PDB file of N, CA and C in Angstrom:
ATOM      1  N   MET A   1      32.512  47.072 216.855  1.00  0.00           N
ATOM      2  CA  MET A   1      32.448  47.660 218.254  1.00  0.00           C
ATOM      3  C   MET A   1      30.956  46.380 218.700  1.00  0.00           C
ATOM      4  N   SER A   2      31.197  46.736 220.217  1.00  0.00           N
ATOM      5  CA  SER A   2      30.094  45.500 221.004  1.00  0.00           C
ATOM      6  C   SER A   2      29.363  47.177 221.550  1.00  0.00           C
ATOM      7  N   THR A   3      28.333  45.814 221.822  1.00  0.00           N
ATOM      8  CA  THR A   3      27.203  47.058 222.628  1.00  0.00           C
ATOM      9  C   THR A   3      27.618  47.476 223.139  1.00  0.00           C
ATOM     10  N   ALA A   4      28.245  46.864 224.610  1.00  0.00           N
ATOM     11  CA  ALA A   4      29.006  47.717 226.114  1.00  0.00           C
ATOM     12  C   ALA A   4      28.661  48.728 225.043  1.00  0.00           C
ATOM     13  N   THR A   5      30.103  48.800 224.502  1.00  0.00           N
ATOM     14  CA  THR A   5      31.224  50.235 223.886  1.00  0.00           C
ATOM     15  C   THR A   5      30.161  50.990 222.656  1.00  0.00           C
ATOM     16  N   PHE A   6      29.134  50.403 222.809  1.00  0.00           N
ATOM     17  CA  PHE A   6      27.178  51.265 221.769  1.00  0.00           C
ATOM     18  C   PHE A   6      26.734  51.931 223.039  1.00  0.00           C
ATOM     19  N   ILE A   7      26.299  50.630 224.102  1.00  0.00           N
ATOM     20  CA  ILE A   7      25.763  51.869 224.703  1.00  0.00           C
ATOM     21  C   ILE A   7      26.315  53.210 225.798  1.00  0.00           C
ATOM     22  N   ASP A   8      28.612  52.581 225.558  1.00  0.00           N
ATOM     23  CA  ASP A   8      28.501  54.101 226.712  1.00  0.00           C
ATOM     24  C   ASP A   8      29.025  55.235 225.240  1.00  0.00           C
ATOM     25  N   ILE A   9      28.552  55.269 223.691  1.00  0.00           N
ATOM     26  CA  ILE A   9      29.058  56.221 223.422  1.00  0.00           C
ATOM     27  C   ILE A   9      27.556  56.916 223.673  1.00  0.00           C
ATOM     28  N   ILE A  10      25.815  56.462 223.522  1.00  0.00           N
ATOM     29  CA  ILE A  10      25.189  56.780 224.333  1.00  0.00           C
ATOM     30  C   ILE A  10      25.626  57.012 224.327  1.00  0.00           C
ATOM     31  N   LEU A  11      25.542  57.307 226.132  1.00  0.00           N
ATOM     32  CA  LEU A  11      25.934  57.816 227.141  1.00  0.00           C
ATOM     33  C   LEU A  11      26.273  59.212 226.745  1.00  0.00           C
ATOM     34  N   ALA A  12      27.609  58.530 226.396  1.00  0.00           N
ATOM     35  CA  ALA A  12      29.095  59.798 226.389  1.00  0.00           C
ATOM     36  C   ALA A  12      28.245  61.474 225.739  1.00  0.00           C
ATOM     37  N   ILE A  13      27.048  60.940 224.809  1.00  0.00           N
ATOM     38  CA  ILE A  13      26.528  62.522 224.319  1.00  0.00           C
ATOM     39  C   ILE A  13      25.510  62.488 224.521  1.00  0.00           C
ATOM     40  N   ILE A  14      24.311  61.539 225.287  1.00  0.00           N
ATOM     41  CA  ILE A  14      24.200  62.363 226.244  1.00  0.00           C
ATOM     42  C   ILE A  14      24.369  63.247 227.020  1.00  0.00           C
ATOM     43  N   LEU A  15      24.890  62.034 227.727  1.00  0.00           N
ATOM     44  CA  LEU A  15      26.090  63.408 229.239  1.00  0.00           C
ATOM     45  C   LEU A  15      27.172  62.696 229.815  1.00  0.00           C
ATOM     46  N   PRO A  16      28.302  63.011 228.876  1.00  0.00           N
ATOM     47  CA  PRO A  16      29.470  62.610 228.994  1.00  0.00           C
ATOM     48  C   PRO A  16      30.167  61.673 230.421  1.00  0.00           C
ATOM     49  N   PRO A  17      29.916  63.358 231.142  1.00  0.00           N
ATOM     50  CA  PRO A  17      31.064  62.046 232.655  1.00  0.00           C
ATOM     51  C   PRO A  17      30.853  60.636 232.801  1.00  0.00           C
ATOM     52  N   LEU A  18      28.788  60.785 232.515  1.00  0.00           N
ATOM     53  CA  LEU A  18      28.652  59.536 233.040  1.00  0.00           C
ATOM     54  C   LEU A  18      28.889  58.520 232.059  1.00  0.00           C
ATOM     55  N   GLY A  19      29.506  58.503 230.649  1.00  0.00           N
ATOM     56  CA  GLY A  19      29.612  57.789 230.085  1.00  0.00           C
ATOM     57  C   GLY A  19      30.916  57.231 230.610  1.00  0.00           C
ATOM     58  N   VAL A  20      31.966  58.464 230.576  1.00  0.00           N
ATOM     59  CA  VAL A  20      33.315  57.954 230.945  1.00  0.00           C
ATOM     60  C   VAL A  20      33.167  57.481 232.499  1.00  0.00           C
ATOM     61  N   PHE A  21      32.888  57.948 232.843  1.00  0.00           N
ATOM     62  CA  PHE A  21      32.795  57.125 234.619  1.00  0.00           C
ATOM     63  C   PHE A  21      32.424  56.034 234.836  1.00  0.00           C
ATOM     64  N   LEU A  22      31.246  55.127 234.293  1.00  0.00           N
ATOM     65  CA  LEU A  22      31.145  54.044 234.120  1.00  0.00           C
ATOM     66  C   LEU A  22      32.265  52.883 232.941  1.00  0.00           C
ATOM     67  N   LYS A  23      32.461  53.063 231.877  1.00  0.00           N
ATOM     68  CA  LYS A  23      34.219  52.955 231.701  1.00  0.00           C
ATOM     69  C   LYS A  23      35.259  52.769 232.926  1.00  0.00           C
ATOM     70  N   PHE A  24      35.559  53.489 233.415  1.00  0.00           N
ATOM     71  CA  PHE A  24      36.692  54.123 234.497  1.00  0.00           C
ATOM     72  C   PHE A  24      35.904  54.782 235.472  1.00  0.00           C
ATOM     73  N   GLY A  25      35.927  54.458 236.093  1.00  0.00           N
ATOM     74  CA  GLY A  25      35.360  54.967 237.118  1.00  0.00           C
ATOM     75  C   GLY A  25      35.867  56.260 237.823  1.00  0.00           C
ATOM     76  N   CYS A  26      35.979  56.723 239.189  1.00  0.00           N
ATOM     77  CA  CYS A  26      36.864  58.272 239.056  1.00  0.00           C
ATOM     78  C   CYS A  26      38.118  58.692 239.460  1.00  0.00           C
ATOM     79  N   LYS A  27      38.413  57.902 238.328  1.00  0.00           N
ATOM     80  CA  LYS A  27      39.734  57.904 237.451  1.00  0.00           C
ATOM     81  C   LYS A  27      40.440  59.656 237.287  1.00  0.00           C
ATOM     82  N   VAL A  28      41.285  59.640 236.626  1.00  0.00           N
ATOM     83  CA  VAL A  28      41.746  61.212 235.750  1.00  0.00           C
ATOM     84  C   VAL A  28      41.190  61.458 234.973  1.00  0.00           C
ATOM     85  N   GLU A  29      39.751  60.538 233.954  1.00  0.00           N
ATOM     86  CA  GLU A  29      39.956  60.582 232.612  1.00  0.00           C
ATOM     87  C   GLU A  29      38.140  60.489 233.574  1.00  0.00           C
ATOM     88  N   PHE A  30      37.547  61.065 234.003  1.00  0.00           N
ATOM     89  CA  PHE A  30      36.521  61.498 234.852  1.00  0.00           C
ATOM     90  C   PHE A  30      36.256  62.908 234.432  1.00  0.00           C
ATOM     91  N   TRP A  31      37.998  63.078 235.902  1.00  0.00           N
ATOM     92  CA  TRP A  31      37.809  64.720 236.270  1.00  0.00           C
ATOM     93  C   TRP A  31      38.056  65.568 235.671  1.00  0.00           C
ATOM     94  N   ILE A  32      38.639  65.400 233.684  1.00  0.00           N
ATOM     95  CA  ILE A  32      38.837  65.722 233.151  1.00  0.00           C
ATOM     96  C   ILE A  32      37.318  65.614 232.168  1.00  0.00           C
ATOM     97  N   CYS A  33      36.768  65.026 231.890  1.00  0.00           N
ATOM     98  CA  CYS A  33      35.660  64.929 230.720  1.00  0.00           C
ATOM     99  C   CYS A  33      35.066  65.740 231.775  1.00  0.00           C
ATOM    100  N   LEU A  34      34.636  65.625 232.960  1.00  0.00           N
ATOM    101  CA  LEU A  34      33.179  66.404 233.402  1.00  0.00           C
ATOM    102  C   LEU A  34      34.303  67.731 233.997  1.00  0.00           C
ATOM    103  N   VAL A  35      35.423  68.175 233.442  1.00  0.00           N
ATOM    104  CA  VAL A  35      35.809  69.959 233.410  1.00  0.00           C
ATOM    105  C   VAL A  35      36.153  70.787 231.795  1.00  0.00           C
ATOM    106  N   LEU A  36      35.671  69.689 230.998  1.00  0.00           N
ATOM    107  CA  LEU A  36      35.262  69.604 229.809  1.00  0.00           C
ATOM    108  C   LEU A  36      34.438  69.742 229.668  1.00  0.00           C
ATOM    109  N   THR A  37      32.872  69.656 229.992  1.00  0.00           N
ATOM    110  CA  THR A  37      31.649  69.246 229.876  1.00  0.00           C
ATOM    111  C   THR A  37      30.917  70.767 230.224  1.00  0.00           C
ATOM    112  N   LEU A  38      31.508  71.255 231.593  1.00  0.00           N
ATOM    113  CA  LEU A  38      31.447  72.105 232.077  1.00  0.00           C
ATOM    114  C   LEU A  38      32.847  73.375 231.657  1.00  0.00           C
ATOM    115  N   LEU A  39      32.768  73.808 230.877  1.00  0.00           N
ATOM    116  CA  LEU A  39      32.987  75.322 230.737  1.00  0.00           C
ATOM    117  C   LEU A  39      33.102  74.139 228.871  1.00  0.00           C
ATOM    118  N   GLY A  40      32.453  73.211 227.764  1.00  0.00           N
ATOM    119  CA  GLY A  40      31.184  73.117 226.674  1.00  0.00           C
ATOM    120  C   GLY A  40      31.155  72.695 226.245  1.00  0.00           C
ATOM    121  N   TYR A  41      30.009  72.007 225.876  1.00  0.00           N
ATOM    122  CA  TYR A  41      29.666  70.610 226.732  1.00  0.00           C
ATOM    123  C   TYR A  41      30.019  69.894 224.950  1.00  0.00           C
ATOM    124  N   LEU A  42      29.951  70.077 224.087  1.00  0.00           N
ATOM    125  CA  LEU A  42      30.967  69.899 222.400  1.00  0.00           C
ATOM    126  C   LEU A  42      31.959  69.204 223.594  1.00  0.00           C
ATOM    127  N   PRO A  43      33.360  69.869 224.080  1.00  0.00           N
ATOM    128  CA  PRO A  43      33.811  69.374 224.304  1.00  0.00           C
ATOM    129  C   PRO A  43      34.246  68.341 225.279  1.00  0.00           C
ATOM    130  N   GLY A  44      33.354  68.156 226.294  1.00  0.00           N
ATOM    131  CA  GLY A  44      32.852  67.046 226.785  1.00  0.00           C
ATOM    132  C   GLY A  44      32.468  65.400 226.218  1.00  0.00           C
ATOM    133  N   ILE A  45      31.946  65.760 225.434  1.00  0.00           N
ATOM    134  CA  ILE A  45      31.249  65.058 224.048  1.00  0.00           C
ATOM    135  C   ILE A  45      32.031  64.049 223.765  1.00  0.00           C
ATOM    136  N   ILE A  46      33.215  65.079 222.841  1.00  0.00           N
ATOM    137  CA  ILE A  46      34.468  64.945 222.047  1.00  0.00           C
ATOM    138  C   ILE A  46      34.827  64.092 222.484  1.00  0.00           C
ATOM    139  N   TYR A  47      35.567  64.661 223.875  1.00  0.00           N
ATOM    140  CA  TYR A  47      37.163  63.981 224.614  1.00  0.00           C
ATOM    141  C   TYR A  47      36.346  62.100 225.274  1.00  0.00           C
ATOM    142  N   ALA A  48      35.144  62.858 225.591  1.00  0.00           N
ATOM    143  CA  ALA A  48      33.982  61.023 225.893  1.00  0.00           C
ATOM    144  C   ALA A  48      35.009  60.625 224.854  1.00  0.00           C
ATOM    145  N   ILE A  49      33.894  60.722 223.734  1.00  0.00           N
ATOM    146  CA  ILE A  49      34.431  59.184 222.859  1.00  0.00           C
ATOM    147  C   ILE A  49      35.089  59.144 222.603  1.00  0.00           C
ATOM    148  N   PHE A  50      36.423  60.202 222.585  1.00  0.00           N
ATOM    149  CA  PHE A  50      37.486  59.618 222.520  1.00  0.00           C
ATOM    150  C   PHE A  50      38.138  59.290 222.979  1.00  0.00           C
ATOM    151  N   VAL A  51      38.289  58.762 223.862  1.00  0.00           N
ATOM    152  CA  VAL A  51      38.395  57.752 225.836  1.00  0.00           C
ATOM    153  C   VAL A  51      37.883  56.223 225.146  1.00  0.00           C
ATOM    154  N   ILE A  52      36.586  56.796 225.410  1.00  0.00           N
ATOM    155  CA  ILE A  52      35.754  54.979 225.000  1.00  0.00           C
ATOM    156  C   ILE A  52      36.302  54.328 224.081  1.00  0.00           C
ATOM    157  N   THR A  53      36.914  54.905 222.811  1.00  0.00           N
ATOM    158  CA  THR A  53      37.010  53.972 221.820  1.00  0.00           C
ATOM    159  C   THR A  53      37.988  53.985 221.556  1.00  0.00           C
ATOM    160  N   LYS A  54      39.537  54.671 222.148  1.00  0.00           N
ATOM    161  CA  LYS A  54      40.113  54.318 222.341  1.00  0.00           C
ATOM    162  C   LYS A  54      41.001  52.311 223.362  1.00  0.00           C
TER     163      LYS A  54
END
């Protein structure tokens, strides 16, 4: 695991849409993460970490 991935995961835990946005930009992954975070913080974190590490 690289340092950039580690930082992305830390950002995904603190603010999930930000971590996904920095990795993918304003694509579908960001919007899914934003909706999941608004519905519940934990689903947003799980999805963000999954997308960043896949």
